Amino acid sequence: MTAPQTRGRWVAIVTGAISILIAVAYLVLITVLDSRGPLLPPPPEAMGLGASASPLASVAAAPASADAATAPPLG
């Protein structure tokens, strides 16, 4: 083999080894991230919403009475 062919062969071997190392590191990273469990949505506070800004909070805080559905609103 001539010198340029030998150099090209070493470049190919080193490049292939780097590629395999990156692939193995990627698989290890994905395995570690998957082993942490399912992703959960962030709490409302993380999005700048307070407890009173949630539409469900006002529904849950309303008192439930038997005549609330039949009585007309006052005023």
Protein backbone atom coordinates (compact mmCIF):
# COMPACT_ATOMS: atom_id res chain seq x y z
CA MET A 1 0.00 0.00 0.00
CA THR A 2 1.07 3.52 -0.61
CA ALA A 3 1.19 6.20 2.06
CA PRO A 4 -2.10 7.97 1.07
CA GLN A 5 -3.97 4.65 1.12
CA THR A 6 -2.62 3.78 4.55
CA ARG A 7 -3.55 7.19 5.91
CA GLY A 8 -7.06 6.92 4.42
CA ARG A 9 -7.50 3.51 5.94
CA TRP A 10 -6.59 4.83 9.43
CA VAL A 11 -8.95 7.77 9.00
CA ALA A 12 -11.76 5.36 8.11
CA ILE A 13 -11.01 3.14 11.12
CA VAL A 14 -10.87 6.08 13.54
CA THR A 15 -14.04 7.60 12.10
CA GLY A 16 -15.86 4.27 12.38
CA ALA A 17 -14.70 3.83 15.98
CA ILE A 18 -15.91 7.32 16.89
CA SER A 19 -19.25 6.59 15.22
CA ILE A 20 -19.67 3.37 17.19
CA LEU A 21 -18.76 5.13 20.46
CA ILE A 22 -21.36 7.84 19.79
CA ALA A 23 -23.99 5.17 19.02
CA VAL A 24 -23.24 3.25 22.23
CA ALA A 25 -23.30 6.46 24.29
CA TYR A 26 -26.67 7.36 22.73
CA LEU A 27 -28.12 3.95 23.58
CA VAL A 28 -26.88 4.22 27.17
CA LEU A 29 -28.37 7.72 27.50
CA ILE A 30 -31.74 6.60 26.15
CA THR A 31 -31.75 3.57 28.47
CA VAL A 32 -31.05 5.77 31.51
CA LEU A 33 -33.72 8.30 30.52
CA ASP A 34 -36.32 5.58 29.88
CA SER A 35 -35.63 3.89 33.20
CA ARG A 36 -36.74 7.00 35.11
CA GLY A 37 -40.39 6.28 34.45
CA PRO A 38 -43.12 8.00 32.46
CA LEU A 39 -43.10 11.73 31.89
CA LEU A 40 -45.57 13.70 33.95
CA PRO A 41 -47.00 17.07 32.94
CA PRO A 42 -45.66 20.04 34.87
CA PRO A 43 -47.75 21.48 37.69
CA PRO A 44 -49.86 24.56 36.86
CA GLU A 45 -47.52 26.73 38.94
CA ALA A 46 -44.71 25.99 36.51
CA MET A 47 -46.67 27.65 33.72
CA GLY A 48 -47.41 30.78 35.72
CA LEU A 49 -50.92 29.74 36.63
CA GLY A 50 -52.08 30.10 40.19
CA ALA A 51 -54.62 27.91 41.94
CA SER A 52 -57.37 30.53 41.42
CA ALA A 53 -56.64 30.88 37.69
CA SER A 54 -57.51 27.26 37.02
CA PRO A 55 -61.06 26.85 35.65
CA LEU A 56 -61.45 23.59 37.55
CA ALA A 57 -60.58 25.26 40.86
CA SER A 58 -63.67 27.49 40.72
CA VAL A 59 -65.91 24.55 39.90
CA ALA A 60 -64.45 22.42 42.68
CA ALA A 61 -64.73 25.29 45.19
CA ALA A 62 -68.42 25.95 44.47
CA PRO A 63 -70.72 24.51 47.14
CA ALA A 64 -72.93 21.72 45.94
CA SER A 65 -76.46 22.06 47.26
CA ALA A 66 -79.66 20.34 46.25
CA ASP A 67 -81.52 23.55 45.39
CA ALA A 68 -78.59 25.26 43.62
CA ALA A 69 -79.63 23.85 40.26
CA THR A 70 -83.30 24.86 40.61
CA ALA A 71 -83.03 28.25 42.29
CA PRO A 72 -82.76 31.24 39.94
CA PRO A 73 -79.70 33.49 40.41
CA LEU A 74 -80.18 36.48 42.67
CA GLY A 75 -79.96 40.01 41.30
